[in-house]
């Protein structure tokens, strides 16, 4: 069961390992785009590529859907980036139903584990498989797979690596459940931390924070939804940065300290402590661009402020 790109490597890996699912469950097709044509999920597209049957329930509590699952009599249900399953759904799995989560549980329980971990500047994250229970992200852990996080990696970078690590973890978890060798361990709730859904306001850049924290915030939201600030009343997304100086006072928070155009252009902004260099930005209605290209058309000068 899954929906977005993050889940596709897991489905591909199961098929490659000779563990092709009896069926794939994903969200219904939805109209999108200017023409409002029906769009299929990444998981449905992958299932079609493998010739697997697909179920797309509007409601996971629909008796017809639950009945269809019971008819399939699944040994294992593997969930990767899908909805919260009710007990009548995950209870149909004879050997167990598990979820793949993008953190080292119990850290970062919730909808945005990758972004929230990077906001905190963690040096390590990973993936966890755990058995489903009514409380979200609290089930007994089967596998944890750690990976280091570089200080300049974005959420997009980490997302792609975790999707690949997660695919291997999903295959191994299915094998252990099928063989009866899984040894689930209870999570320590005292070590839990939340990873709530991202809001528009959360994505706003707060230039009063220290430079390292501003940098971590921006990379945690890149490429989606994108951290944002305002410039001359226009929304400006900031998608990639580097810490220029980690401490010291260079100007008022948000003040442009240096603005040099050209291929190696430098756009340096003061924070509450230290400065960050903006490397990639995106103006409203435009594509993302290097800072030098932005400066070529922006006529920015030191002393101007981002708010």
Protein backbone atom coordinates (compact mmCIF):
# COMPACT_ATOMS: atom_id res chain seq x y z
CA UNK A 1 0.00 0.00 0.00
CA UNK A 2 1.43 3.37 -1.02
CA UNK A 3 1.04 6.52 -3.07
CA UNK A 4 4.05 8.74 -3.94
CA UNK A 5 7.47 8.33 -5.52
CA UNK A 6 8.95 7.41 -2.13
CA UNK A 7 7.04 4.10 -2.21
CA UNK A 8 7.99 3.05 -5.75
CA UNK A 9 11.48 1.65 -4.96
CA UNK A 10 9.91 -0.59 -2.30
CA UNK A 11 7.40 -2.02 -4.78
CA UNK A 12 10.11 -2.51 -7.40
CA UNK A 13 12.34 -4.25 -4.85
CA UNK A 14 9.60 -6.65 -3.75
CA UNK A 15 8.97 -7.67 -7.35
CA UNK A 16 12.69 -8.07 -8.03
CA UNK A 17 13.03 -10.26 -4.92
CA UNK A 18 10.28 -12.61 -6.06
CA UNK A 19 7.85 -11.20 -3.51
CA UNK A 20 5.42 -9.49 -5.87
CA UNK A 21 2.27 -8.42 -3.99
CA UNK A 22 -1.02 -10.16 -4.71
CA UNK A 23 -2.45 -6.65 -5.11
CA UNK A 24 -1.40 -3.02 -4.77
CA UNK A 25 -3.53 -0.49 -2.90
CA UNK A 26 -3.25 3.22 -3.67
CA UNK A 27 -5.36 6.38 -3.80
CA UNK A 28 -8.06 6.98 -6.43
CA UNK A 29 -7.15 8.86 -9.60
CA UNK A 30 -7.67 12.61 -9.15
CA UNK A 31 -8.14 15.51 -11.58
CA UNK A 32 -5.15 17.84 -11.64
CA UNK A 33 -3.48 20.45 -13.80
CA UNK A 34 -5.00 23.12 -16.00
CA UNK A 35 -7.00 20.62 -17.98
CA UNK A 36 -8.11 18.79 -14.82
CA UNK A 37 -7.27 15.47 -16.45
CA UNK A 38 -7.18 12.40 -14.21
CA UNK A 39 -3.77 11.83 -12.65
CA UNK A 40 -2.63 8.46 -11.33
CA UNK A 41 -0.35 7.96 -8.34
CA UNK A 42 3.29 6.99 -8.78
CA UNK A 43 2.53 3.64 -7.13
CA UNK A 44 -0.32 2.89 -9.54
CA UNK A 45 1.98 3.61 -12.46
CA UNK A 46 4.59 1.25 -11.01
CA UNK A 47 1.99 -1.45 -10.41
CA UNK A 48 0.87 -1.18 -14.04
CA UNK A 49 4.48 -1.53 -15.16
CA UNK A 50 4.70 -4.80 -13.21
CA UNK A 51 1.26 -6.02 -14.31
CA UNK A 52 -0.09 -6.09 -10.75
CA UNK A 53 -3.78 -5.67 -9.86
CA UNK A 54 -4.65 -2.38 -8.17
CA UNK A 55 -7.29 -1.44 -5.60
CA UNK A 56 -8.20 2.25 -5.19
CA UNK A 57 -10.75 2.63 -2.39
CA UNK A 58 -12.31 6.03 -1.70
CA UNK A 59 -12.62 4.97 1.93
CA UNK A 60 -10.45 2.44 3.71
CA UNK A 61 -13.47 1.48 5.81
CA UNK A 62 -15.60 0.67 2.75
CA UNK A 63 -17.02 -2.83 3.42
CA UNK A 64 -16.43 -3.77 -0.22
CA UNK A 65 -12.75 -2.89 0.07
CA UNK A 66 -12.33 -4.70 3.40
CA UNK A 67 -14.12 -7.71 1.88
CA UNK A 68 -11.78 -7.65 -1.12
CA UNK A 69 -8.79 -7.73 1.22
CA UNK A 70 -10.23 -10.65 3.14
CA UNK A 71 -10.75 -12.50 -0.12
CA UNK A 72 -7.08 -11.93 -0.95
CA UNK A 73 -6.16 -13.39 2.49
CA UNK A 74 -2.80 -11.55 2.64
CA UNK A 75 0.04 -13.01 4.68
CA UNK A 76 1.69 -9.58 5.01
CA UNK A 77 0.61 -6.00 4.34
CA UNK A 78 3.46 -3.59 3.58
CA UNK A 79 2.64 0.11 3.88
CA UNK A 80 4.89 2.84 2.46
CA UNK A 81 3.73 6.47 2.47
CA UNK A 82 0.00 5.77 2.55
CA UNK A 83 -2.99 6.68 4.69
CA UNK A 84 -3.55 5.64 8.29
CA UNK A 85 -5.05 2.15 8.19
CA UNK A 86 -7.99 1.18 10.41
CA UNK A 87 -7.67 -2.09 12.39
CA UNK A 88 -10.20 -3.87 10.19
CA UNK A 89 -7.77 -3.36 7.28
CA UNK A 90 -4.39 -4.16 8.80
CA UNK A 91 -5.96 -6.98 10.80
CA UNK A 92 -6.52 -8.95 7.58
CA UNK A 93 -2.79 -9.76 7.36
CA UNK A 94 -2.16 -13.24 8.76
CA UNK A 95 1.51 -12.67 9.65
CA UNK A 96 1.41 -8.95 10.28
CA UNK A 97 1.07 -5.51 8.72
CA UNK A 98 3.97 -3.07 8.86
CA UNK A 99 4.85 0.45 7.84
CA UNK A 100 8.07 1.98 6.52
CA UNK A 101 8.79 5.32 8.22
CA UNK A 102 11.40 7.91 7.21
CA UNK A 103 13.14 8.29 10.57
CA UNK A 104 14.77 6.26 13.29
CA UNK A 105 11.72 5.76 15.46
CA UNK A 106 10.71 6.76 18.05
CA UNK A 107 12.33 9.99 16.82
CA UNK A 108 10.18 12.09 14.49
CA UNK A 109 6.82 10.40 14.64
CA UNK A 110 4.42 12.09 12.25
CA UNK A 111 3.82 13.29 8.71
CA UNK A 112 7.09 15.17 8.02
CA UNK A 113 9.98 13.17 9.53
CA UNK A 114 12.63 14.09 6.95
CA UNK A 115 11.97 17.83 7.04
CA UNK A 116 11.70 17.98 10.81
CA UNK A 117 14.94 16.04 11.29
CA UNK A 118 16.85 18.35 8.96
CA UNK A 119 15.39 21.43 10.66
CA UNK A 120 17.00 20.14 13.84
CA UNK A 121 20.32 19.68 12.06
CA UNK A 122 20.60 15.97 12.89
CA UNK A 123 23.85 14.24 11.84
CA UNK A 124 22.00 10.95 11.29
CA UNK A 125 18.57 9.72 10.31
CA UNK A 126 17.28 6.58 8.64
CA UNK A 127 14.27 4.35 8.07
CA UNK A 128 12.28 2.11 10.38
CA UNK A 129 9.84 -0.72 9.76
CA UNK A 130 7.33 -1.35 12.51
CA UNK A 131 4.14 -3.31 13.10
CA UNK A 132 0.92 -1.35 12.82
CA UNK A 133 -1.24 -0.54 15.82
CA UNK A 134 -4.01 2.05 16.37
CA UNK A 135 -1.64 4.80 17.62
CA UNK A 136 0.26 6.28 14.66
CA UNK A 137 4.00 5.44 14.38
CA UNK A 138 4.11 3.72 17.78
CA UNK A 139 4.19 0.03 16.84
CA UNK A 140 6.92 -2.45 17.69
CA UNK A 141 10.06 -1.99 15.59
CA UNK A 142 11.30 -4.73 13.26
CA UNK A 143 14.20 -2.97 11.52
CA UNK A 144 16.09 0.32 11.78
CA UNK A 145 18.54 1.33 9.05
CA UNK A 146 20.61 4.47 9.81
CA UNK A 147 22.35 6.82 7.39
CA UNK A 148 24.49 9.93 7.99
CA UNK A 149 23.18 13.35 6.99
CA UNK A 150 25.60 15.88 5.52
CA UNK A 151 25.41 19.49 6.78
CA UNK A 152 24.41 20.79 3.34
CA UNK A 153 22.09 17.98 2.21
CA UNK A 154 18.53 18.96 1.38
CA UNK A 155 15.34 17.09 2.18
CA UNK A 156 15.27 16.02 -1.47
CA UNK A 157 18.73 14.48 -1.19
CA UNK A 158 17.82 12.58 1.98
CA UNK A 159 14.38 11.58 0.65
CA UNK A 160 15.91 9.78 -2.33
CA UNK A 161 18.47 7.96 -0.21
CA UNK A 162 15.87 6.88 2.34
CA UNK A 163 13.60 5.59 -0.42
CA UNK A 164 16.41 3.29 -1.58
CA UNK A 165 17.33 2.20 1.96
CA UNK A 166 13.65 1.70 2.69
CA UNK A 167 13.22 -0.62 -0.28
CA UNK A 168 15.83 -3.00 1.12
CA UNK A 169 14.27 -2.75 4.59
CA UNK A 170 10.82 -3.59 3.22
CA UNK A 171 12.10 -6.71 1.46
CA UNK A 172 13.99 -7.86 4.55
CA UNK A 173 10.97 -7.22 6.79
CA UNK A 174 8.67 -9.25 4.53
CA UNK A 175 11.19 -12.08 4.52
CA UNK A 176 11.45 -12.08 8.31
CA UNK A 177 7.70 -12.03 8.81
CA UNK A 178 7.25 -14.86 6.28
CA UNK A 179 9.96 -16.94 7.92
CA UNK A 180 8.80 -16.22 11.47
CA UNK A 181 12.20 -14.73 12.37
CA UNK A 182 11.08 -11.14 13.06
CA UNK A 183 11.72 -10.07 16.66
CA UNK A 184 9.75 -6.84 17.13
CA UNK A 185 10.87 -4.53 19.94
CA UNK A 186 8.69 -1.98 21.71
CA UNK A 187 9.50 1.69 21.17
CA UNK A 188 10.63 3.79 24.12
CA UNK A 189 7.99 6.52 24.26
CA UNK A 190 10.25 8.61 26.51
CA UNK A 191 12.56 9.10 23.50
CA UNK A 192 9.77 10.07 21.09
CA UNK A 193 9.72 13.38 19.22
CA UNK A 194 7.03 14.78 16.91
CA UNK A 195 7.21 15.50 13.18
CA UNK A 196 3.95 17.34 12.47
CA UNK A 197 2.73 18.25 9.01
CA UNK A 198 4.32 21.31 7.41
CA UNK A 199 2.27 24.48 7.11
CA UNK A 200 2.82 27.58 5.02
CA UNK A 201 3.77 29.57 8.10
CA UNK A 202 6.30 26.95 9.20
CA UNK A 203 8.03 27.40 5.84
CA UNK A 204 8.64 31.13 6.37
CA UNK A 205 12.31 32.00 6.94
CA UNK A 206 12.98 33.67 10.28
CA UNK A 207 16.12 35.71 9.71
CA UNK A 208 16.45 36.46 13.44
CA UNK A 209 17.68 32.91 14.03
CA UNK A 210 21.41 32.04 13.89
CA UNK A 211 22.83 31.33 10.45
CA UNK A 212 23.18 27.57 10.99
CA UNK A 213 19.56 27.28 12.05
CA UNK A 214 18.39 29.36 9.07
CA UNK A 215 20.44 27.16 6.74
CA UNK A 216 19.02 23.97 8.28
CA UNK A 217 15.48 25.34 7.95
CA UNK A 218 15.93 26.15 4.26
CA UNK A 219 17.50 22.82 3.28
CA UNK A 220 14.83 20.94 5.26
CA UNK A 221 12.15 22.41 2.99
CA UNK A 222 13.96 22.00 -0.34
CA UNK A 223 12.73 21.25 -2.93
CA UNK A 224 9.21 21.07 -1.48
CA UNK A 225 7.38 23.05 -0.26
CA UNK A 226 10.27 25.53 -0.30
CA UNK A 227 11.23 27.95 2.45
CA UNK A 228 10.07 31.47 1.66
CA UNK A 229 10.69 35.07 2.51
CA UNK A 230 9.47 38.32 0.98
CA UNK A 231 11.40 40.76 -1.17
CA UNK A 232 9.88 44.10 -2.21
CA UNK A 233 6.47 42.64 -1.36
CA UNK A 234 7.03 39.61 -3.58
CA UNK A 235 7.28 36.06 -2.28
CA UNK A 236 10.76 34.64 -2.82
CA UNK A 237 11.53 30.97 -2.23
CA UNK A 238 15.00 30.10 -1.00
CA UNK A 239 15.96 26.57 -2.05
CA UNK A 240 19.67 26.18 -1.37
CA UNK A 241 22.07 28.03 0.92
CA UNK A 242 25.46 27.73 2.61
CA UNK A 243 26.57 29.08 5.95
CA UNK A 244 28.92 31.98 5.18
CA UNK A 245 29.74 32.86 8.80
CA UNK A 246 28.32 31.00 11.79
CA UNK A 247 28.38 33.84 14.30
CA UNK A 248 28.97 37.54 14.73
CA UNK A 249 26.85 40.53 13.71
CA UNK A 250 26.90 41.57 10.05
CA UNK A 251 23.70 43.61 9.84
CA UNK A 252 20.03 43.56 10.74
CA UNK A 253 18.37 40.14 10.29
CA UNK A 254 17.42 39.74 6.64
CA UNK A 255 19.71 42.54 5.47
CA UNK A 256 21.62 42.02 2.23
CA UNK A 257 25.30 42.13 3.15
CA UNK A 258 26.73 41.39 -0.28
CA UNK A 259 25.13 41.28 -3.73
CA UNK A 260 27.44 40.43 -6.62
CA UNK A 261 25.97 39.24 -9.92
CA UNK A 262 27.49 36.96 -12.53
CA UNK A 263 27.99 33.19 -12.84
CA UNK A 264 29.66 33.05 -9.42
CA UNK A 265 27.40 35.68 -7.94
CA UNK A 266 27.26 36.11 -4.18
CA UNK A 267 24.05 36.97 -2.34
CA UNK A 268 24.84 37.05 1.37
CA UNK A 269 22.19 37.76 4.00
CA UNK A 270 22.60 38.64 7.68
CA UNK A 271 20.94 36.46 10.30
CA UNK A 272 20.46 36.90 14.03
CA UNK A 273 24.03 35.64 14.31
CA UNK A 274 26.26 35.07 11.31
CA UNK A 275 25.36 35.11 7.61
CA UNK A 276 24.11 32.73 4.93
CA UNK A 277 24.89 32.73 1.23
CA UNK A 278 21.83 32.17 -0.95
CA UNK A 279 22.72 29.74 -3.75
CA UNK A 280 19.36 29.04 -5.41
CA UNK A 281 16.12 31.02 -5.27
CA UNK A 282 12.78 31.10 -7.05
CA UNK A 283 10.67 34.20 -7.73
CA UNK A 284 6.89 33.96 -7.99
CA UNK A 285 5.87 32.46 -11.33
CA UNK A 286 9.49 31.72 -12.30
CA UNK A 287 11.75 28.68 -12.31
CA UNK A 288 14.39 28.16 -9.65
CA UNK A 289 17.65 29.88 -10.54
CA UNK A 290 21.18 30.42 -9.23
CA UNK A 291 21.64 33.51 -7.10
CA UNK A 292 23.81 35.13 -9.77
CA UNK A 293 21.00 34.89 -12.35
CA UNK A 294 18.52 36.30 -9.84
CA UNK A 295 20.82 39.25 -9.09
CA UNK A 296 21.24 39.96 -12.82
CA UNK A 297 17.57 40.90 -13.04
CA UNK A 298 16.86 42.08 -9.53
CA UNK A 299 19.00 45.20 -9.10
CA UNK A 300 19.65 44.31 -5.48
CA UNK A 301 22.09 46.29 -3.38
CA UNK A 302 23.58 45.85 0.08
CA UNK A 303 21.39 47.33 2.79
CA UNK A 304 18.12 46.14 1.28
CA UNK A 305 16.23 43.65 3.45
CA UNK A 306 14.39 40.38 3.05
CA UNK A 307 11.44 40.14 5.40
